[in-house]
Amino acid sequence: MNVGKEEDPELPKSVLRHLEPNEKVLFSIKKKISMEKPKWLLITGRRIIYLDEKVFGRYDLKAIPYQKLEQVTVKLGIMSSEFIIEGEENITLKLGWMNKEEARKAINAIKDALNAIAVEPVSIGVNKGLTSETWVLNKPKEFITRTMPAYHAQSVREEEDPLEKLKKLKELYDMGVISQEEYEEKRKKLLDEI
């Protein structure tokens, strides 16, 4: 699924409200368990979003940007699967409602999204037993995105003109690395330098 913020009427309004401008949903899984409202796992170009819809318009939404992602583990058993997303700051999401095929597709979608922006390729380790499989995706230790130069980072920043710094700041904001508040604060400082 490759959709923009306003292109997919199937996505719940609670998710559309939280998507950044130009943030595209690359993959999504919607699961309705018995009489409950649906649960969603969405993989965007910037982050992983988990949405648990509740009655009366309430919901729980958790998002882990790829920069804060540490590991994704999928444990596939005979009867069920467990999908675990771990991030910095003790953020852990455990999703036990996916079937095996959905879990495999989701971890591969995360791998593809990370590979689209990471310099170092991301891989998945698989441990297959008689009755179970465990898939583990670890984010590379050096997670430098393709849009950010990896050489002489500090010395180059000091020598760059403010317009170049503005362009790079906008790229960081568009990728979701910095918040809107951080972007506005830094942008104002750079504009003062011009």
Protein backbone atom coordinates (compact mmCIF):
# COMPACT_ATOMS: atom_id res chain seq x y z
CA MET A 1 0.00 0.00 0.00
CA ASN A 2 1.54 3.32 -1.01
CA VAL A 3 -0.74 6.16 -0.06
CA GLY A 4 -0.42 9.78 0.86
CA LYS A 5 -2.06 11.57 3.74
CA GLU A 6 -5.31 12.31 1.93
CA GLU A 7 -5.42 9.55 -0.67
CA ASP A 8 -6.71 6.57 1.34
CA PRO A 9 -10.23 6.88 2.72
CA GLU A 10 -9.82 3.49 4.47
CA LEU A 11 -7.28 4.84 6.97
CA PRO A 12 -8.95 6.05 10.16
CA LYS A 13 -9.21 9.79 10.75
CA SER A 14 -7.20 9.41 13.95
CA VAL A 15 -4.21 8.26 11.88
CA LEU A 16 -4.68 10.88 9.15
CA ARG A 17 -4.70 13.55 11.87
CA HIS A 18 -1.21 12.45 13.03
CA LEU A 19 0.51 11.98 9.67
CA GLU A 20 3.04 14.66 8.77
CA PRO A 21 2.74 16.53 5.46
CA ASN A 22 4.04 14.29 2.63
CA GLU A 23 4.29 11.28 4.97
CA LYS A 24 3.26 8.22 2.99
CA VAL A 25 1.86 5.00 4.41
CA LEU A 26 3.85 2.25 2.70
CA PHE A 27 2.17 -0.75 4.37
CA SER A 28 -0.73 -1.25 6.74
CA ILE A 29 -2.47 -4.07 8.58
CA LYS A 30 -5.94 -3.67 10.04
CA LYS A 31 -7.18 -6.34 12.40
CA LYS A 32 -10.59 -6.53 14.01
CA ILE A 33 -10.72 -8.97 16.92
CA SER A 34 -14.26 -10.13 17.79
CA MET A 35 -16.45 -7.18 18.79
CA GLU A 36 -13.58 -4.75 19.45
CA LYS A 37 -12.74 -1.76 17.31
CA PRO A 38 -9.86 -2.39 14.84
CA LYS A 39 -6.17 -2.32 15.66
CA TRP A 40 -3.72 -0.99 13.05
CA LEU A 41 -0.03 -1.29 12.31
CA LEU A 42 1.18 1.24 9.75
CA ILE A 43 4.65 1.49 8.26
CA THR A 44 5.41 4.90 6.76
CA GLY A 45 8.55 6.25 5.15
CA ARG A 46 9.46 7.84 8.52
CA ARG A 47 8.14 5.67 11.34
CA ILE A 48 6.07 2.77 12.63
CA ILE A 49 2.61 3.69 13.94
CA TYR A 50 0.40 1.51 16.12
CA LEU A 51 -3.24 2.50 16.58
CA ASP A 52 -5.71 0.82 18.91
CA GLU A 53 -9.16 2.27 18.22
CA LYS A 54 -11.62 2.47 21.12
CA VAL A 55 -15.33 3.24 21.32
CA PHE A 56 -16.68 6.80 21.29
CA GLY A 57 -13.82 8.08 19.11
CA ARG A 58 -11.12 7.31 21.66
CA TYR A 59 -7.85 5.66 20.65
CA ASP A 60 -4.28 4.87 21.70
CA LEU A 61 -1.61 5.81 19.17
CA LYS A 62 2.10 5.07 19.52
CA ALA A 63 4.71 5.99 16.95
CA ILE A 64 8.38 5.03 16.78
CA PRO A 65 10.51 7.02 14.31
CA TYR A 66 13.12 4.91 12.54
CA GLN A 67 15.89 6.90 14.23
CA LYS A 68 14.65 5.60 17.62
CA LEU A 69 13.95 2.05 16.47
CA GLU A 70 16.32 -0.57 17.87
CA GLN A 71 14.93 -4.01 17.06
CA VAL A 72 11.89 -5.77 15.60
CA THR A 73 11.29 -9.40 16.56
CA VAL A 74 8.66 -11.75 15.18
CA LYS A 75 8.06 -15.04 16.97
CA LEU A 76 5.97 -17.39 14.84
CA GLY A 77 4.50 -20.43 16.58
CA ILE A 78 2.09 -23.12 15.44
CA MET A 79 -1.02 -21.33 16.66
CA SER A 80 -0.01 -17.70 17.04
CA SER A 81 2.59 -15.05 16.44
CA GLU A 82 4.07 -12.27 18.53
CA PHE A 83 5.34 -9.07 16.93
CA ILE A 84 7.65 -7.01 19.17
CA ILE A 85 8.93 -3.55 18.28
CA GLU A 86 11.60 -2.11 20.57
CA GLY A 87 12.81 1.46 20.53
CA GLU A 88 14.97 3.80 22.55
CA GLU A 89 13.74 5.14 25.89
CA ASN A 90 12.26 1.73 26.85
CA ILE A 91 9.54 1.89 24.19
CA THR A 92 8.20 -1.60 23.49
CA LEU A 93 5.13 -2.58 21.48
CA LYS A 94 3.94 -6.19 21.68
CA LEU A 95 1.31 -7.12 19.12
CA GLY A 96 -0.08 -10.63 19.42
CA TRP A 97 -2.97 -10.22 17.01
CA MET A 98 -1.19 -10.74 13.68
CA ASN A 99 -1.20 -14.03 11.85
CA LYS A 100 2.05 -15.50 10.51
CA GLU A 101 1.75 -14.12 6.98
CA GLU A 102 0.85 -10.61 8.20
CA ALA A 103 3.80 -10.65 10.62
CA ARG A 104 6.22 -11.71 7.85
CA LYS A 105 4.91 -9.01 5.51
CA ALA A 106 5.12 -6.36 8.26
CA ILE A 107 8.76 -7.08 9.20
CA ASN A 108 9.74 -7.09 5.52
CA ALA A 109 7.93 -3.76 5.01
CA ILE A 110 9.90 -2.27 7.92
CA LYS A 111 13.14 -3.64 6.43
CA ASP A 112 12.30 -2.12 3.02
CA ALA A 113 11.43 1.26 4.59
CA LEU A 114 14.71 1.31 6.52
CA ASN A 115 16.71 0.24 3.46
CA ALA A 116 15.17 3.11 1.50
CA ILE A 117 16.75 5.67 3.85
CA ALA A 118 19.75 3.92 5.48
CA VAL A 119 23.24 3.89 4.01
CA GLU A 120 24.10 0.53 5.55
CA PRO A 121 21.73 -2.25 4.41
CA VAL A 122 19.37 -3.74 6.98
CA SER A 123 19.04 -7.50 7.22
CA ILE A 124 16.75 -9.94 8.99
CA GLY A 125 18.07 -12.96 10.89
CA VAL A 126 15.83 -16.04 10.90
CA ASN A 127 16.03 -18.92 13.38
CA LYS A 128 13.76 -21.78 12.28
CA GLY A 129 12.95 -24.60 14.67
CA LEU A 130 10.63 -27.59 14.34
CA THR A 131 7.51 -25.78 15.50
CA SER A 132 8.51 -22.14 15.52
CA GLU A 133 10.42 -19.40 13.73
CA THR A 134 11.99 -16.24 15.11
CA TRP A 135 12.77 -13.32 12.80
CA VAL A 136 14.93 -10.46 14.15
CA LEU A 137 15.63 -7.14 12.47
CA ASN A 138 18.28 -4.95 14.11
CA LYS A 139 18.76 -1.38 13.01
CA PRO A 140 22.37 -0.81 11.91
CA LYS A 141 24.56 0.75 14.61
CA GLU A 142 25.51 3.59 12.28
CA PHE A 143 22.14 4.78 11.05
CA ILE A 144 23.08 7.62 8.72
CA THR A 145 20.46 8.44 6.15
CA ARG A 146 21.27 8.88 2.49
CA THR A 147 20.29 12.53 2.52
CA MET A 148 22.83 13.45 5.20
CA PRO A 149 26.55 13.47 4.36
CA ALA A 150 28.62 11.16 6.58
CA TYR A 151 31.98 12.87 6.13
CA HIS A 152 33.45 15.75 8.16
CA ALA A 153 30.04 16.40 9.67
CA GLN A 154 31.11 18.97 12.26
CA SER A 155 33.72 20.89 10.23
CA VAL A 156 31.50 21.05 7.15
CA ARG A 157 28.59 22.42 9.16
CA GLU A 158 30.69 25.30 10.44
CA GLU A 159 31.81 26.29 6.93
CA GLU A 160 28.45 25.97 5.16
CA ASP A 161 26.50 29.05 4.28
CA PRO A 162 23.15 29.58 6.01
CA LEU A 163 21.15 28.74 2.87
CA GLU A 164 22.73 25.27 2.68
CA LYS A 165 22.05 24.79 6.37
CA LEU A 166 18.40 25.75 5.75
CA LYS A 167 18.10 23.14 3.00
CA LYS A 168 19.54 20.42 5.24
CA LEU A 169 17.32 21.49 8.13
CA LYS A 170 14.26 21.19 5.87
CA GLU A 171 15.39 17.69 4.80
CA LEU A 172 15.68 16.64 8.45
CA TYR A 173 12.20 18.00 9.16
CA ASP A 174 10.69 16.31 6.08
CA MET A 175 12.21 12.98 7.15
CA GLY A 176 10.72 13.31 10.64
CA VAL A 177 14.10 13.48 12.38
CA ILE A 178 13.24 16.77 14.08
CA SER A 179 9.90 18.10 15.32
CA GLN A 180 8.09 21.12 13.92
CA GLU A 181 9.05 23.15 17.00
CA GLU A 182 12.75 22.28 16.60
CA TYR A 183 12.54 23.07 12.89
CA GLU A 184 10.94 26.49 13.46
CA GLU A 185 13.42 27.41 16.21
CA LYS A 186 16.50 26.47 14.14
CA ARG A 187 15.05 28.01 10.97
CA LYS A 188 14.61 31.37 12.69
CA LYS A 189 18.22 31.31 13.90
CA LEU A 190 19.48 30.51 10.41
CA LEU A 191 17.36 33.24 8.86
CA ASP A 192 18.95 35.71 11.27
CA GLU A 193 22.39 34.71 9.90
CA ILE A 194 21.47 35.60 6.32
